[in-house]
């Protein structure tokens, strides 16, 4: 059964629908619930002009919704950056802080065995920069002991990526060893993805020192 509304309103609703008005637009104009409008027009046969108008409105509505989602994400990201900037406003890097950052970074992304070389693997250029900067700040390193292995997809240009990662790490291309390439159809290309690098440093003592800091830090925090 149709809701109890006047014949005049029913006729007005159908006319508006035939002109390409959306359910929400009609409901607002005649002051009737959208569910009632939907019920009254569901069997209405629309002409091509009305269909085209509604299709355009539907597309515009979806685009507006996507734009709204993007704007909200930007707002949330902007807020997060503002909070982080405030928390770090008095940050200054000294040897102790550098070692703490390097050791935590390595604990998350480095090789854990007490035997063998230091190995740090990541695909984020900023995190790689932070790790290497703090590592260099913490220890007197012999730069000749660095080696890098790139892990790329088949759609990458090896020469371009080697130049890119050499600039990121400040390690010369002559220290890059064999590149591992994963076959990729090219369908799932990640925009901005520059592959992954494994940074090796041939001094197990530094590796052990980084790994040892976890227990010392926990003890100092009373954990």
Protein backbone atom coordinates (compact mmCIF):
# COMPACT_ATOMS: atom_id res chain seq x y z
CA UNK A 1 0.00 0.00 0.00
CA UNK A 2 1.09 3.55 -0.74
CA UNK A 3 1.49 5.93 2.20
CA UNK A 4 -1.41 8.25 2.96
CA UNK A 5 -0.56 11.31 0.86
CA UNK A 6 -2.76 13.35 -1.44
CA UNK A 7 -3.25 12.58 -5.12
CA UNK A 8 -1.88 16.04 -5.90
CA UNK A 9 1.42 15.24 -4.19
CA UNK A 10 1.62 11.86 -5.92
CA UNK A 11 1.17 13.50 -9.33
CA UNK A 12 3.76 16.15 -8.46
CA UNK A 13 6.25 13.48 -7.41
CA UNK A 14 5.85 11.57 -10.67
CA UNK A 15 6.18 14.73 -12.76
CA UNK A 16 9.36 15.70 -10.98
CA UNK A 17 10.74 12.22 -11.50
CA UNK A 18 9.97 12.42 -15.22
CA UNK A 19 12.00 15.65 -15.34
CA UNK A 20 15.03 13.85 -13.95
CA UNK A 21 14.85 14.84 -10.30
CA UNK A 22 16.52 12.44 -7.84
CA UNK A 23 14.69 10.74 -4.97
CA UNK A 24 16.31 13.06 -2.43
CA UNK A 25 15.57 16.17 -4.48
CA UNK A 26 11.90 15.24 -4.82
CA UNK A 27 11.58 14.35 -1.14
CA UNK A 28 12.98 17.72 -0.13
CA UNK A 29 10.79 19.65 -2.54
CA UNK A 30 7.47 18.01 -1.62
CA UNK A 31 8.37 17.42 2.04
CA UNK A 32 7.85 13.66 1.88
CA UNK A 33 10.15 10.92 3.17
CA UNK A 34 12.63 9.60 0.54
CA UNK A 35 11.39 6.05 1.18
CA UNK A 36 7.86 7.15 0.26
CA UNK A 37 9.07 8.85 -2.92
CA UNK A 38 11.03 5.74 -3.87
CA UNK A 39 7.96 3.58 -3.39
CA UNK A 40 5.82 5.85 -5.59
CA UNK A 41 8.25 6.09 -8.51
CA UNK A 42 9.72 2.58 -8.55
CA UNK A 43 7.43 1.37 -11.33
CA UNK A 44 7.52 4.64 -13.25
CA UNK A 45 8.86 4.31 -16.80
CA UNK A 46 11.25 7.16 -17.54
CA UNK A 47 11.99 8.70 -20.92
CA UNK A 48 15.55 8.78 -22.24
CA UNK A 49 16.09 12.42 -21.29
CA UNK A 50 15.17 11.77 -17.66
CA UNK A 51 17.38 8.67 -17.60
CA UNK A 52 20.38 10.65 -18.90
CA UNK A 53 19.83 13.40 -16.33
CA UNK A 54 19.68 10.86 -13.49
CA UNK A 55 22.78 9.04 -14.75
CA UNK A 56 24.72 12.32 -14.80
CA UNK A 57 23.51 13.17 -11.30
CA UNK A 58 24.51 9.72 -10.10
CA UNK A 59 28.01 10.13 -11.54
CA UNK A 60 28.31 13.63 -10.07
CA UNK A 61 27.14 12.33 -6.71
CA UNK A 62 29.77 9.58 -6.71
CA UNK A 63 32.50 12.01 -7.72
CA UNK A 64 31.43 14.37 -4.96
CA UNK A 65 31.48 11.51 -2.45
CA UNK A 66 34.99 10.48 -3.55
CA UNK A 67 36.15 14.10 -3.33
CA UNK A 68 34.69 14.32 0.18
CA UNK A 69 36.53 11.15 1.24
CA UNK A 70 39.81 12.46 -0.21
CA UNK A 71 39.39 15.81 1.54
CA UNK A 72 38.66 14.10 4.87
CA UNK A 73 41.78 11.94 4.46
CA UNK A 74 43.84 15.05 3.74
CA UNK A 75 42.42 16.73 6.83
CA UNK A 76 43.27 13.71 8.99
CA UNK A 77 46.77 13.53 7.52
CA UNK A 78 47.26 17.26 8.04
CA UNK A 79 46.17 16.88 11.66
CA UNK A 80 48.56 13.94 12.17
CA UNK A 81 51.45 15.97 10.74
CA UNK A 82 50.58 18.89 12.99
CA UNK A 83 50.55 16.68 16.10
CA UNK A 84 53.83 14.97 15.13
CA UNK A 85 55.47 18.33 14.39
CA UNK A 86 54.40 19.63 17.79
CA UNK A 87 55.73 16.53 19.56
CA UNK A 88 59.08 16.85 17.78
CA UNK A 89 59.42 20.64 17.93
CA UNK A 90 62.25 20.44 20.49
CA UNK A 91 63.94 17.43 18.88
CA UNK A 92 67.69 17.57 18.39
CA UNK A 93 69.96 14.77 17.25
CA UNK A 94 72.88 13.76 19.42
CA UNK A 95 74.89 10.54 19.51
CA UNK A 96 72.64 8.90 22.13
CA UNK A 97 69.42 9.69 20.25
CA UNK A 98 71.00 8.66 16.94
CA UNK A 99 72.00 5.30 18.37
CA UNK A 100 68.52 4.79 19.83
CA UNK A 101 66.86 5.49 16.47
CA UNK A 102 69.33 3.32 14.56
CA UNK A 103 68.95 0.40 16.97
CA UNK A 104 65.14 0.49 17.00
CA UNK A 105 65.06 0.78 13.20
CA UNK A 106 67.41 -2.17 12.92
CA UNK A 107 65.41 -4.20 15.45
CA UNK A 108 62.36 -3.75 13.18
CA UNK A 109 63.93 -4.15 9.75
CA UNK A 110 67.33 -5.76 10.23
CA UNK A 111 68.71 -9.29 10.33
CA UNK A 112 68.53 -10.76 13.83
CA UNK A 113 71.19 -13.48 13.80
CA UNK A 114 74.23 -12.81 15.99
CA UNK A 115 76.35 -14.31 13.24
CA UNK A 116 76.96 -12.76 9.87
CA UNK A 117 76.92 -9.21 8.61
CA UNK A 118 74.61 -6.30 9.40
CA UNK A 119 71.64 -6.46 7.02
CA UNK A 120 68.93 -3.79 6.82
CA UNK A 121 66.16 -4.27 4.26
CA UNK A 122 63.47 -1.76 3.32
CA UNK A 123 61.67 -0.11 0.41
CA UNK A 124 60.97 3.28 2.06
CA UNK A 125 63.64 5.79 0.97
CA UNK A 126 62.97 8.05 3.97
CA UNK A 127 63.35 5.22 6.50
CA UNK A 128 66.52 4.06 4.73
CA UNK A 129 67.91 7.60 4.95
CA UNK A 130 67.04 7.86 8.65
CA UNK A 131 68.66 4.52 9.46
CA UNK A 132 71.88 5.23 7.60
CA UNK A 133 72.13 8.79 8.90
CA UNK A 134 71.72 7.71 12.52
CA UNK A 135 74.02 4.71 12.01
CA UNK A 136 76.75 6.98 10.65
CA UNK A 137 76.12 9.41 13.49
CA UNK A 138 76.49 6.63 16.07
CA UNK A 139 79.62 4.86 14.79
CA UNK A 140 82.79 5.63 12.90
CA UNK A 141 82.10 3.55 9.82
CA UNK A 142 84.35 2.33 7.06
CA UNK A 143 82.29 3.21 3.99
CA UNK A 144 84.11 0.59 1.92
CA UNK A 145 82.38 -2.11 3.99
CA UNK A 146 78.95 -1.24 2.60
CA UNK A 147 77.24 -3.34 -0.07
CA UNK A 148 73.75 -3.03 -1.51
CA UNK A 149 71.49 -5.61 -3.14
CA UNK A 150 68.47 -4.29 -5.02
CA UNK A 151 65.25 -6.27 -5.32
CA UNK A 152 63.22 -4.98 -8.25
CA UNK A 153 60.22 -5.90 -10.38
CA UNK A 154 60.64 -6.57 -14.08
CA UNK A 155 59.01 -3.23 -14.95
CA UNK A 156 61.81 -1.31 -13.17
CA UNK A 157 64.76 0.19 -15.00
CA UNK A 158 67.76 -1.20 -13.15
CA UNK A 159 70.09 1.64 -14.14
CA UNK A 160 67.62 4.32 -12.97
CA UNK A 161 66.91 2.57 -9.67
CA UNK A 162 70.58 2.05 -8.96
CA UNK A 163 71.20 5.78 -9.43
CA UNK A 164 68.18 6.56 -7.23
CA UNK A 165 69.22 4.31 -4.35
CA UNK A 166 72.84 5.42 -4.60
CA UNK A 167 71.70 9.00 -3.96
CA UNK A 168 69.39 7.91 -1.13
CA UNK A 169 72.07 5.85 0.66
CA UNK A 170 75.10 7.94 -0.30
CA UNK A 171 76.75 4.66 -1.25
CA UNK A 172 78.44 4.58 -4.69
CA UNK A 173 77.04 2.37 -7.43
CA UNK A 174 80.28 0.37 -7.43
CA UNK A 175 79.16 -1.06 -4.07
CA UNK A 176 75.94 -2.47 -5.56
CA UNK A 177 76.06 -6.22 -6.11
CA UNK A 178 73.80 -8.45 -8.22
CA UNK A 179 70.20 -7.24 -8.58
CA UNK A 180 67.33 -9.67 -8.00
CA UNK A 181 64.42 -9.13 -10.38
CA UNK A 182 60.92 -10.47 -9.77
CA UNK A 183 58.84 -11.15 -12.87
CA UNK A 184 55.79 -8.91 -12.95
CA UNK A 185 52.98 -8.70 -15.50
CA UNK A 186 52.87 -4.91 -15.16
CA UNK A 187 49.20 -4.96 -14.16
CA UNK A 188 49.82 -4.30 -10.46
CA UNK A 189 52.42 -1.57 -10.81
CA UNK A 190 52.81 0.34 -7.53
CA UNK A 191 53.06 4.05 -8.22
CA UNK A 192 56.18 5.52 -6.68
CA UNK A 193 57.57 2.12 -5.69
CA UNK A 194 61.33 2.07 -6.36
CA UNK A 195 61.98 -1.51 -5.37
CA UNK A 196 63.56 -2.76 -2.17
CA UNK A 197 67.17 -2.56 -1.01
CA UNK A 198 69.16 -4.71 1.36
CA UNK A 199 72.00 -2.77 2.91
CA UNK A 200 74.91 -4.86 4.13
CA UNK A 201 77.70 -3.63 6.38
CA UNK A 202 80.50 -6.08 7.04
CA UNK A 203 81.06 -5.61 10.75
CA UNK A 204 79.15 -8.03 12.97
CA UNK A 205 80.21 -6.13 16.13
CA UNK A 206 78.08 -3.12 15.17
CA UNK A 207 75.18 -5.41 14.39
CA UNK A 208 75.44 -7.07 17.81
CA UNK A 209 75.61 -3.67 19.50
CA UNK A 210 72.44 -2.54 17.77
CA UNK A 211 70.60 -5.71 18.76
CA UNK A 212 71.86 -5.55 22.35
CA UNK A 213 70.32 -2.12 22.94
CA UNK A 214 66.77 -3.49 23.19
CA UNK A 215 67.31 -5.19 26.56
CA UNK A 216 69.30 -2.26 27.95
CA UNK A 217 66.60 0.21 26.92
CA UNK A 218 63.85 -1.94 28.44
CA UNK A 219 65.81 -2.19 31.68
CA UNK A 220 66.32 1.59 31.86
CA UNK A 221 62.59 2.08 31.30
CA UNK A 222 61.83 -0.32 34.12
CA UNK A 223 60.09 -2.80 31.82
